[in-house]
């Protein structure tokens, strides 16, 4: 496979496409397209100790962030409570931007 996606590693591209499948992950990537780091609400990522964690907290922490990291598209910096875009994200930026334009319209919002 050849093209604008780095070294053409099909498995890595497949991982990225799987990561892009979910609307919550796409929304996070759309934010990363605008800013190199995106703050993550600590209550959305970590249990605040007041009752059981919500489904969204668990889903973000154990499903969405790991998939984005496995695909190499984002990196979660727990100490700073931010998600950062990666070099791999930059390689796939045209794909992310195209999806955002298709899904959100010309203004990307």
C-alpha atoms as a PDB file:
ATOM      1  CA  UNK A   1       0.000   0.000   0.000  1.00  0.00           C
ATOM      2  CA  UNK A   2       1.338   3.438  -0.866  1.00  0.00           C
ATOM      3  CA  UNK A   3       0.127   6.950  -0.302  1.00  0.00           C
ATOM      4  CA  UNK A   4       0.206   9.779   2.196  1.00  0.00           C
ATOM      5  CA  UNK A   5      -0.129   7.640   5.299  1.00  0.00           C
ATOM      6  CA  UNK A   6       3.435   7.321   6.523  1.00  0.00           C
ATOM      7  CA  UNK A   7       5.232   4.121   5.688  1.00  0.00           C
ATOM      8  CA  UNK A   8       2.087   2.423   4.406  1.00  0.00           C
ATOM      9  CA  UNK A   9       1.672   0.025   7.318  1.00  0.00           C
ATOM     10  CA  UNK A  10      -1.784  -1.437   6.643  1.00  0.00           C
ATOM     11  CA  UNK A  11      -2.237  -2.674  10.205  1.00  0.00           C
ATOM     12  CA  UNK A  12      -1.629   0.815  11.578  1.00  0.00           C
ATOM     13  CA  UNK A  13      -4.071   2.325   9.093  1.00  0.00           C
ATOM     14  CA  UNK A  14      -6.643  -0.308  10.055  1.00  0.00           C
ATOM     15  CA  UNK A  15      -6.186   0.622  13.737  1.00  0.00           C
ATOM     16  CA  UNK A  16      -6.711   4.287  12.869  1.00  0.00           C
ATOM     17  CA  UNK A  17      -9.879   3.541  10.904  1.00  0.00           C
ATOM     18  CA  UNK A  18     -11.226   1.454  13.787  1.00  0.00           C
ATOM     19  CA  UNK A  19     -10.478   4.342  16.165  1.00  0.00           C
ATOM     20  CA  UNK A  20     -12.285   6.763  13.832  1.00  0.00           C
ATOM     21  CA  UNK A  21     -15.385   4.566  13.821  1.00  0.00           C
ATOM     22  CA  UNK A  22     -16.724   5.938  17.110  1.00  0.00           C
ATOM     23  CA  UNK A  23     -18.353   9.415  17.236  1.00  0.00           C
ATOM     24  CA  UNK A  24     -16.884  10.215  20.681  1.00  0.00           C
ATOM     25  CA  UNK A  25     -13.362   9.464  19.468  1.00  0.00           C
ATOM     26  CA  UNK A  26     -13.915  11.457  16.272  1.00  0.00           C
ATOM     27  CA  UNK A  27     -15.098  14.451  18.324  1.00  0.00           C
ATOM     28  CA  UNK A  28     -11.923  14.300  20.398  1.00  0.00           C
ATOM     29  CA  UNK A  29      -9.803  14.074  17.245  1.00  0.00           C
ATOM     30  CA  UNK A  30     -11.662  17.023  15.711  1.00  0.00           C
ATOM     31  CA  UNK A  31     -10.708  19.043  18.797  1.00  0.00           C
ATOM     32  CA  UNK A  32      -7.101  17.902  18.431  1.00  0.00           C
ATOM     33  CA  UNK A  33      -7.137  19.107  14.832  1.00  0.00           C
ATOM     34  CA  UNK A  34      -7.634  22.624  16.215  1.00  0.00           C
ATOM     35  CA  UNK A  35      -5.349  22.407  19.274  1.00  0.00           C
ATOM     36  CA  UNK A  36      -2.261  20.275  19.930  1.00  0.00           C
ATOM     37  CA  UNK A  37      -3.552  19.438  23.408  1.00  0.00           C
ATOM     38  CA  UNK A  38      -7.098  19.165  24.660  1.00  0.00           C
ATOM     39  CA  UNK A  39      -7.898  19.350  28.369  1.00  0.00           C
ATOM     40  CA  UNK A  40      -9.849  16.416  29.683  1.00  0.00           C
ATOM     41  CA  UNK A  41     -12.262  17.065  32.508  1.00  0.00           C
ATOM     42  CA  UNK A  42     -10.812  15.038  35.391  1.00  0.00           C
ATOM     43  CA  UNK A  43     -14.316  14.032  36.468  1.00  0.00           C
ATOM     44  CA  UNK A  44     -14.837  12.530  33.017  1.00  0.00           C
ATOM     45  CA  UNK A  45     -11.629  10.514  33.248  1.00  0.00           C
ATOM     46  CA  UNK A  46     -11.088   9.647  36.882  1.00  0.00           C
ATOM     47  CA  UNK A  47     -13.467   8.627  39.619  1.00  0.00           C
ATOM     48  CA  UNK A  48     -13.896  11.571  41.986  1.00  0.00           C
ATOM     49  CA  UNK A  49     -14.542   9.202  44.883  1.00  0.00           C
ATOM     50  CA  UNK A  50     -18.155  10.298  45.272  1.00  0.00           C
ATOM     51  CA  UNK A  51     -20.166   7.295  44.234  1.00  0.00           C
ATOM     52  CA  UNK A  52     -19.528   4.874  41.426  1.00  0.00           C
ATOM     53  CA  UNK A  53     -18.010   6.170  38.196  1.00  0.00           C
ATOM     54  CA  UNK A  54     -20.476   6.931  35.426  1.00  0.00           C
ATOM     55  CA  UNK A  55     -20.635   4.949  32.211  1.00  0.00           C
ATOM     56  CA  UNK A  56     -19.081   7.912  30.365  1.00  0.00           C
ATOM     57  CA  UNK A  57     -16.147   8.042  32.801  1.00  0.00           C
ATOM     58  CA  UNK A  58     -15.496   4.340  32.395  1.00  0.00           C
ATOM     59  CA  UNK A  59     -15.967   4.448  28.640  1.00  0.00           C
ATOM     60  CA  UNK A  60     -13.554   7.347  28.153  1.00  0.00           C
ATOM     61  CA  UNK A  61     -10.898   5.910  30.443  1.00  0.00           C
ATOM     62  CA  UNK A  62     -11.075   2.257  29.408  1.00  0.00           C
ATOM     63  CA  UNK A  63     -12.356   2.343  25.845  1.00  0.00           C
ATOM     64  CA  UNK A  64     -11.844   5.569  23.926  1.00  0.00           C
ATOM     65  CA  UNK A  65      -8.443   6.815  25.118  1.00  0.00           C
ATOM     66  CA  UNK A  66      -6.812   3.354  24.859  1.00  0.00           C
ATOM     67  CA  UNK A  67      -8.092   2.916  21.289  1.00  0.00           C
ATOM     68  CA  UNK A  68      -6.781   6.323  20.253  1.00  0.00           C
ATOM     69  CA  UNK A  69      -3.434   5.543  21.873  1.00  0.00           C
ATOM     70  CA  UNK A  70      -3.268   2.075  20.281  1.00  0.00           C
ATOM     71  CA  UNK A  71      -3.889   3.662  16.890  1.00  0.00           C
ATOM     72  CA  UNK A  72      -1.146   6.176  17.621  1.00  0.00           C
ATOM     73  CA  UNK A  73      -3.510   9.104  17.085  1.00  0.00           C
ATOM     74  CA  UNK A  74      -3.426  10.596  20.575  1.00  0.00           C
ATOM     75  CA  UNK A  75      -1.613  10.341  23.849  1.00  0.00           C
ATOM     76  CA  UNK A  76      -3.251  10.810  27.246  1.00  0.00           C
ATOM     77  CA  UNK A  77      -1.034  12.647  29.738  1.00  0.00           C
ATOM     78  CA  UNK A  78      -2.581  11.652  33.050  1.00  0.00           C
ATOM     79  CA  UNK A  79      -0.567  14.060  35.230  1.00  0.00           C
ATOM     80  CA  UNK A  80      -1.669  17.056  33.144  1.00  0.00           C
ATOM     81  CA  UNK A  81      -5.138  15.649  32.388  1.00  0.00           C
ATOM     82  CA  UNK A  82      -4.788  16.426  28.692  1.00  0.00           C
ATOM     83  CA  UNK A  83      -4.877  14.508  25.459  1.00  0.00           C
ATOM     84  CA  UNK A  84      -2.140  15.373  22.969  1.00  0.00           C
ATOM     85  CA  UNK A  85      -2.022  14.758  19.259  1.00  0.00           C
ATOM     86  CA  UNK A  86       0.837  12.657  17.954  1.00  0.00           C
ATOM     87  CA  UNK A  87       3.007  12.466  14.850  1.00  0.00           C
ATOM     88  CA  UNK A  88       0.686   9.744  13.573  1.00  0.00           C
ATOM     89  CA  UNK A  89      -2.227  12.143  13.981  1.00  0.00           C
ATOM     90  CA  UNK A  90      -0.409  14.624  11.750  1.00  0.00           C
ATOM     91  CA  UNK A  91       0.062  11.912   9.103  1.00  0.00           C
ATOM     92  CA  UNK A  92      -3.670  11.197   9.168  1.00  0.00           C
ATOM     93  CA  UNK A  93      -4.805  14.815   9.611  1.00  0.00           C
ATOM     94  CA  UNK A  94      -6.192  14.992   6.024  1.00  0.00           C
ATOM     95  CA  UNK A  95      -8.419  12.003   6.789  1.00  0.00           C
ATOM     96  CA  UNK A  96      -9.590  13.501  10.102  1.00  0.00           C
ATOM     97  CA  UNK A  97     -10.279  16.865   8.439  1.00  0.00           C
ATOM     98  CA  UNK A  98     -12.214  15.207   5.598  1.00  0.00           C
ATOM     99  CA  UNK A  99     -14.346  13.268   8.063  1.00  0.00           C
ATOM    100  CA  UNK A 100     -15.023  16.420  10.085  1.00  0.00           C
ATOM    101  CA  UNK A 101     -16.062  18.349   6.974  1.00  0.00           C
ATOM    102  CA  UNK A 102     -18.344  15.501   5.876  1.00  0.00           C
ATOM    103  CA  UNK A 103     -19.848  14.974   9.317  1.00  0.00           C
ATOM    104  CA  UNK A 104     -20.044  18.573  10.560  1.00  0.00           C
ATOM    105  CA  UNK A 105     -20.285  20.659   7.407  1.00  0.00           C
ATOM    106  CA  UNK A 106     -17.931  23.091   5.718  1.00  0.00           C
ATOM    107  CA  UNK A 107     -17.169  25.038   8.890  1.00  0.00           C
ATOM    108  CA  UNK A 108     -16.168  21.843  10.745  1.00  0.00           C
ATOM    109  CA  UNK A 109     -18.435  22.495  13.711  1.00  0.00           C
END
